[in-house]
């Protein structure tokens, strides 16, 4: 089982529009609502690939009930902890003309962190890997992610962390197996704009693997064994909001199987690409995943030094 901690769950609302006009009225062609949060998207991708994933999340209010019911409708196993705060919304506007997505996120708040942590510890005994993905809600302790990561590592489980800012800096203290920032998040936590240099510095200082997502340009990956640039065979148009979550899913399932980082980069890029062509985050075209695997280009950056 891959345990997917979603500290800041949400109801994802997606507006599909022909063209998004800032400052003007835009007619929405289609609206969907579904349970979201980055770890939920990861779990859905894992499930689509045949892996067993369980979501752990704090939920509250009517939106929390909608979240629970939505996970059940997806056939996604979940462990939910009651919160006195209503589960938030996120809103994504998918612009078909531009091939872009704009995301608005409500703030997340938690009042039951200790209960979530207790359930997390209990679930570790059945886990093969752990994903901690999403923002750290207000009300959580500053060292919350580090403490949970340390517990999972003490249980000899691989841990994939996908968060940003102070939460990412805090999680690094727990020595996760791998972190998955995008280029901007990596620059923020490292203070360096050069993606490769920043990844190498963090990997060396903290003893973790760093996989930095670069959007259409693929990813930069660094660990103690080397550094690589992996990219898809071609640029794809679609909804990129779920690509990073698909990448995390590939990392989690690879590390759960004991695969070395360098050997799972092809799957990571291919799965990200297969997510882009789907209209909603958390969905993946398995046939497209198989097609994309044959075209991924991987450059050994150590050989280029």
Protein backbone atom coordinates (compact mmCIF):
# COMPACT_ATOMS: atom_id res chain seq x y z
CA UNK A 1 0.00 0.00 0.00
CA UNK A 2 1.17 3.54 -0.77
CA UNK A 3 0.00 5.96 1.93
CA UNK A 4 -0.86 9.38 0.50
CA UNK A 5 -1.12 12.11 3.14
CA UNK A 6 -3.24 15.04 1.98
CA UNK A 7 -2.80 17.70 4.69
CA UNK A 8 -4.84 20.29 2.76
CA UNK A 9 -7.66 18.52 0.91
CA UNK A 10 -10.12 20.42 -1.28
CA UNK A 11 -13.10 20.20 -3.52
CA UNK A 12 -11.65 20.93 -6.95
CA UNK A 13 -13.92 23.00 -9.16
CA UNK A 14 -12.86 23.10 -12.82
CA UNK A 15 -14.21 25.63 -15.31
CA UNK A 16 -13.58 24.79 -18.95
CA UNK A 17 -13.68 27.82 -21.23
CA UNK A 18 -12.99 28.41 -24.92
CA UNK A 19 -10.77 31.40 -24.12
CA UNK A 20 -10.17 33.11 -20.77
CA UNK A 21 -10.41 36.90 -21.00
CA UNK A 22 -8.92 38.65 -17.96
CA UNK A 23 -11.05 41.59 -16.86
CA UNK A 24 -13.99 40.52 -19.02
CA UNK A 25 -16.94 38.15 -18.76
CA UNK A 26 -16.04 34.61 -19.83
CA UNK A 27 -18.71 31.99 -20.48
CA UNK A 28 -18.01 28.60 -18.92
CA UNK A 29 -18.65 25.64 -21.21
CA UNK A 30 -18.45 22.93 -18.55
CA UNK A 31 -18.15 22.74 -14.75
CA UNK A 32 -16.98 19.78 -12.68
CA UNK A 33 -16.56 19.24 -8.94
CA UNK A 34 -14.50 16.44 -7.45
CA UNK A 35 -12.36 15.69 -4.39
CA UNK A 36 -8.90 17.13 -4.78
CA UNK A 37 -5.67 18.06 -3.15
CA UNK A 38 -2.35 16.98 -4.58
CA UNK A 39 -2.15 13.69 -2.67
CA UNK A 40 -5.63 12.74 -3.88
CA UNK A 41 -4.50 13.24 -7.47
CA UNK A 42 -1.43 11.09 -6.78
CA UNK A 43 -3.58 8.33 -5.30
CA UNK A 44 -5.96 8.38 -8.25
CA UNK A 45 -3.09 8.00 -10.72
CA UNK A 46 -1.62 5.14 -8.70
CA UNK A 47 -5.01 3.42 -8.61
CA UNK A 48 -5.41 3.80 -12.38
CA UNK A 49 -2.09 1.98 -12.79
CA UNK A 50 -3.21 -0.88 -10.54
CA UNK A 51 -1.36 0.16 -7.37
CA UNK A 52 -3.05 0.17 -3.97
CA UNK A 53 -3.17 3.70 -2.56
CA UNK A 54 -4.87 5.03 0.57
CA UNK A 55 -5.62 8.72 1.16
CA UNK A 56 -5.32 10.18 4.66
CA UNK A 57 -6.93 13.61 5.05
CA UNK A 58 -8.63 15.91 7.58
CA UNK A 59 -12.12 16.92 6.42
CA UNK A 60 -14.95 19.04 7.76
CA UNK A 61 -18.31 20.60 6.94
CA UNK A 62 -20.52 19.96 3.92
CA UNK A 63 -17.53 20.08 1.59
CA UNK A 64 -15.82 17.49 3.76
CA UNK A 65 -18.78 15.17 3.32
CA UNK A 66 -18.68 15.85 -0.42
CA UNK A 67 -14.97 15.00 -0.34
CA UNK A 68 -15.58 11.65 1.40
CA UNK A 69 -18.43 10.76 -0.95
CA UNK A 70 -16.35 11.68 -3.97
CA UNK A 71 -13.46 9.44 -2.93
CA UNK A 72 -15.93 6.60 -2.41
CA UNK A 73 -17.37 7.19 -5.89
CA UNK A 74 -13.84 6.96 -7.31
CA UNK A 75 -13.35 3.66 -5.47
CA UNK A 76 -10.43 5.23 -3.63
CA UNK A 77 -9.76 3.94 -0.09
CA UNK A 78 -9.58 6.77 2.43
CA UNK A 79 -8.90 7.41 6.10
CA UNK A 80 -10.50 10.72 7.07
CA UNK A 81 -10.14 12.62 10.33
CA UNK A 82 -12.86 15.03 11.44
CA UNK A 83 -11.94 18.70 11.42
CA UNK A 84 -13.93 21.62 12.78
CA UNK A 85 -12.97 23.61 9.69
CA UNK A 86 -14.84 23.12 6.42
CA UNK A 87 -12.86 21.58 3.61
CA UNK A 88 -11.78 24.29 1.17
CA UNK A 89 -12.31 24.77 -2.57
CA UNK A 90 -9.82 25.21 -5.37
CA UNK A 91 -10.90 26.63 -8.73
CA UNK A 92 -9.12 25.84 -12.00
CA UNK A 93 -9.92 27.68 -15.23
CA UNK A 94 -8.83 25.63 -18.25
CA UNK A 95 -8.33 27.86 -21.30
CA UNK A 96 -8.69 25.72 -24.42
CA UNK A 97 -7.37 28.38 -26.79
CA UNK A 98 -4.18 29.04 -24.85
CA UNK A 99 -3.69 25.47 -23.63
CA UNK A 100 -3.20 26.84 -20.12
CA UNK A 101 -4.80 26.46 -16.71
CA UNK A 102 -5.15 29.14 -14.00
CA UNK A 103 -5.69 27.98 -10.43
CA UNK A 104 -7.23 29.80 -7.46
CA UNK A 105 -6.75 28.14 -4.06
CA UNK A 106 -8.57 28.94 -0.85
CA UNK A 107 -6.48 28.80 2.35
CA UNK A 108 -6.41 25.53 4.29
CA UNK A 109 -6.80 25.36 8.07
CA UNK A 110 -6.56 22.40 10.45
CA UNK A 111 -7.53 21.88 14.10
CA UNK A 112 -6.90 18.12 14.33
CA UNK A 113 -3.24 17.69 13.45
CA UNK A 114 -2.50 15.37 16.37
CA UNK A 115 -5.31 13.03 15.33
CA UNK A 116 -4.03 13.01 11.75
CA UNK A 117 -0.51 12.25 12.99
CA UNK A 118 -1.80 9.39 15.16
CA UNK A 119 -3.62 7.84 12.19
CA UNK A 120 -0.55 8.33 10.01
CA UNK A 121 1.64 6.41 12.45
CA UNK A 122 -0.90 3.59 12.65
CA UNK A 123 -1.05 3.24 8.86
CA UNK A 124 2.72 3.01 8.43
CA UNK A 125 2.71 -0.65 9.41
CA UNK A 126 0.85 -1.57 6.19
CA UNK A 127 2.64 0.88 3.88
CA UNK A 128 5.31 0.21 1.25
CA UNK A 129 5.91 3.90 0.54
CA UNK A 130 4.62 7.29 1.71
CA UNK A 131 3.60 10.37 -0.25
CA UNK A 132 3.24 13.69 1.56
CA UNK A 133 1.82 16.11 -0.95
CA UNK A 134 0.24 19.54 -0.74
CA UNK A 135 0.50 22.68 1.32
CA UNK A 136 0.83 22.67 5.11
CA UNK A 137 -2.43 24.06 6.55
CA UNK A 138 -2.44 26.83 9.09
CA UNK A 139 -2.82 25.35 12.54
CA UNK A 140 -0.30 22.59 11.86
CA UNK A 141 3.01 22.66 13.76
CA UNK A 142 5.99 24.06 11.87
CA UNK A 143 7.83 20.76 12.27
CA UNK A 144 4.78 18.67 11.42
CA UNK A 145 5.98 17.36 8.06
CA UNK A 146 9.50 16.73 9.38
CA UNK A 147 8.12 14.69 12.29
CA UNK A 148 5.93 12.54 10.04
CA UNK A 149 8.74 12.08 7.53
CA UNK A 150 11.14 10.98 10.27
CA UNK A 151 8.58 8.44 11.48
CA UNK A 152 8.18 6.95 8.01
CA UNK A 153 11.93 6.83 7.45
CA UNK A 154 12.37 5.17 10.86
CA UNK A 155 9.98 2.52 9.57
CA UNK A 156 12.37 2.10 6.60
CA UNK A 157 9.83 3.42 4.09
CA UNK A 158 10.64 5.61 1.08
CA UNK A 159 9.03 9.06 1.41
CA UNK A 160 8.17 11.38 -1.48
CA UNK A 161 7.47 14.99 -0.46
CA UNK A 162 5.81 17.52 -2.75
CA UNK A 163 5.23 20.85 -1.05
CA UNK A 164 6.75 24.33 -1.14
CA UNK A 165 8.10 27.27 0.83
CA UNK A 166 8.56 26.94 4.57
CA UNK A 167 6.78 23.56 4.53
CA UNK A 168 9.36 22.16 2.11
CA UNK A 169 12.24 23.61 4.11
CA UNK A 170 10.76 22.03 7.23
CA UNK A 171 10.19 18.66 5.57
CA UNK A 172 13.85 18.50 4.54
CA UNK A 173 14.76 18.21 8.22
CA UNK A 174 13.00 14.85 8.20
CA UNK A 175 15.32 13.47 5.48
CA UNK A 176 12.72 12.36 2.92
CA UNK A 177 13.84 10.00 0.17
CA UNK A 178 13.00 12.51 -2.55
CA UNK A 179 11.50 15.98 -2.87
CA UNK A 180 9.63 17.11 -5.98
CA UNK A 181 9.57 20.92 -6.29
CA UNK A 182 8.99 22.79 -9.52
CA UNK A 183 11.63 25.27 -10.68
CA UNK A 184 10.13 28.23 -8.81
CA UNK A 185 9.68 26.24 -5.58
CA UNK A 186 13.24 24.97 -5.83
CA UNK A 187 14.57 28.51 -6.26
CA UNK A 188 12.56 29.68 -3.26
CA UNK A 189 13.87 27.01 -0.89
CA UNK A 190 17.47 27.08 -2.15
CA UNK A 191 17.95 30.76 -2.99
CA UNK A 192 19.43 29.78 -6.37
CA UNK A 193 17.86 30.33 -9.79
CA UNK A 194 19.95 27.71 -11.60
CA UNK A 195 17.84 24.56 -11.36
CA UNK A 196 20.66 22.04 -11.67
CA UNK A 197 22.96 23.88 -9.26
CA UNK A 198 20.14 24.26 -6.74
CA UNK A 199 19.17 20.59 -6.99
CA UNK A 200 22.77 19.46 -6.55
CA UNK A 201 23.23 21.73 -3.55
CA UNK A 202 20.08 20.53 -1.76
CA UNK A 203 20.75 16.88 -2.58
CA UNK A 204 24.29 17.09 -1.25
CA UNK A 205 23.51 19.09 1.88
CA UNK A 206 20.41 17.19 2.98
CA UNK A 207 21.22 13.74 1.65
CA UNK A 208 17.99 13.51 -0.37
CA UNK A 209 17.13 13.01 -4.02
CA UNK A 210 15.76 16.08 -5.79
CA UNK A 211 13.45 15.86 -8.79
CA UNK A 212 12.61 19.32 -10.15
CA UNK A 213 9.71 19.45 -12.59
CA UNK A 214 10.19 21.78 -15.56
CA UNK A 215 6.78 21.64 -17.21
CA UNK A 216 7.01 20.90 -20.92
CA UNK A 217 10.80 20.58 -20.61
CA UNK A 218 10.53 17.50 -18.40
CA UNK A 219 12.57 17.30 -15.22
CA UNK A 220 15.98 17.58 -13.62
CA UNK A 221 16.83 14.76 -11.20
CA UNK A 222 19.77 14.59 -8.79
CA UNK A 223 20.80 12.05 -6.18
CA UNK A 224 24.06 10.67 -4.77
CA UNK A 225 24.54 8.55 -7.90
CA UNK A 226 24.31 11.35 -10.46
CA UNK A 227 22.17 13.93 -12.23
CA UNK A 228 19.94 13.72 -15.30
CA UNK A 229 17.67 15.77 -17.54
CA UNK A 230 14.67 13.77 -18.76
CA UNK A 231 12.17 15.20 -21.20
CA UNK A 232 9.20 14.01 -23.27
CA UNK A 233 9.51 13.24 -26.96
CA UNK A 234 7.24 16.17 -27.84
CA UNK A 235 5.38 19.04 -26.21
CA UNK A 236 1.76 18.30 -25.38
CA UNK A 237 -1.16 20.69 -25.10
CA UNK A 238 -3.79 20.21 -22.42
CA UNK A 239 -4.29 20.71 -18.68
CA UNK A 240 -0.87 20.68 -16.97
CA UNK A 241 -2.18 20.96 -13.40
CA UNK A 242 -2.03 17.21 -12.77
CA UNK A 243 1.35 16.57 -14.38
CA UNK A 244 3.35 17.11 -11.20
CA UNK A 245 1.06 14.80 -9.25
CA UNK A 246 1.49 12.09 -11.88
CA UNK A 247 5.25 12.56 -11.55
CA UNK A 248 5.00 12.03 -7.80
CA UNK A 249 2.96 8.88 -8.39
CA UNK A 250 5.70 7.52 -10.65
CA UNK A 251 8.35 8.27 -8.03
CA UNK A 252 6.34 6.63 -5.25
CA UNK A 253 5.58 3.43 -7.15
CA UNK A 254 9.17 3.21 -8.36
CA UNK A 255 10.70 3.64 -4.91
CA UNK A 256 8.15 1.23 -3.42
CA UNK A 257 9.57 -1.37 -5.80
CA UNK A 258 13.16 -0.52 -4.92
CA UNK A 259 13.91 1.03 -8.31
CA UNK A 260 16.87 3.40 -8.54
CA UNK A 261 16.04 7.03 -9.37
CA UNK A 262 17.85 6.94 -12.71
CA UNK A 263 15.84 3.89 -13.78
CA UNK A 264 12.41 5.36 -13.09
CA UNK A 265 12.83 8.72 -14.84
CA UNK A 266 11.41 7.43 -18.12
CA UNK A 267 8.22 6.35 -16.41
CA UNK A 268 8.08 9.62 -14.47
CA UNK A 269 8.20 11.79 -17.59
CA UNK A 270 5.87 9.52 -19.56
CA UNK A 271 3.27 9.47 -16.79
CA UNK A 272 3.41 13.26 -16.47
CA UNK A 273 2.84 13.59 -20.20
CA UNK A 274 -0.07 11.15 -20.08
CA UNK A 275 -1.68 13.30 -17.38
CA UNK A 276 -1.42 16.51 -19.44
CA UNK A 277 -3.69 15.15 -22.18
CA UNK A 278 -6.47 14.47 -19.66
CA UNK A 279 -8.97 17.25 -18.88
CA UNK A 280 -8.74 16.93 -15.08
CA UNK A 281 -5.93 16.56 -12.56
CA UNK A 282 -5.76 13.06 -11.10
CA UNK A 283 -6.60 11.33 -14.36
CA UNK A 284 -4.13 9.59 -16.64
CA UNK A 285 -4.40 7.95 -20.05
CA UNK A 286 -2.72 4.58 -19.49
CA UNK A 287 -2.43 3.91 -23.23
CA UNK A 288 -0.76 7.30 -23.70
CA UNK A 289 1.56 6.46 -20.81
CA UNK A 290 2.71 3.35 -22.66
CA UNK A 291 3.19 5.32 -25.90
CA UNK A 292 5.13 8.09 -24.19
CA UNK A 293 7.59 5.71 -22.52
CA UNK A 294 9.29 4.88 -25.81
CA UNK A 295 10.07 8.50 -26.63
CA UNK A 296 11.45 9.89 -23.37
CA UNK A 297 14.95 11.35 -23.77
CA UNK A 298 17.29 11.10 -20.79
CA UNK A 299 20.58 13.02 -20.70
CA UNK A 300 23.26 12.11 -18.19
CA UNK A 301 24.40 15.48 -16.89
CA UNK A 302 27.45 14.05 -15.16
CA UNK A 303 28.81 12.93 -18.52
CA UNK A 304 28.39 16.49 -19.80
CA UNK A 305 30.51 18.04 -16.98
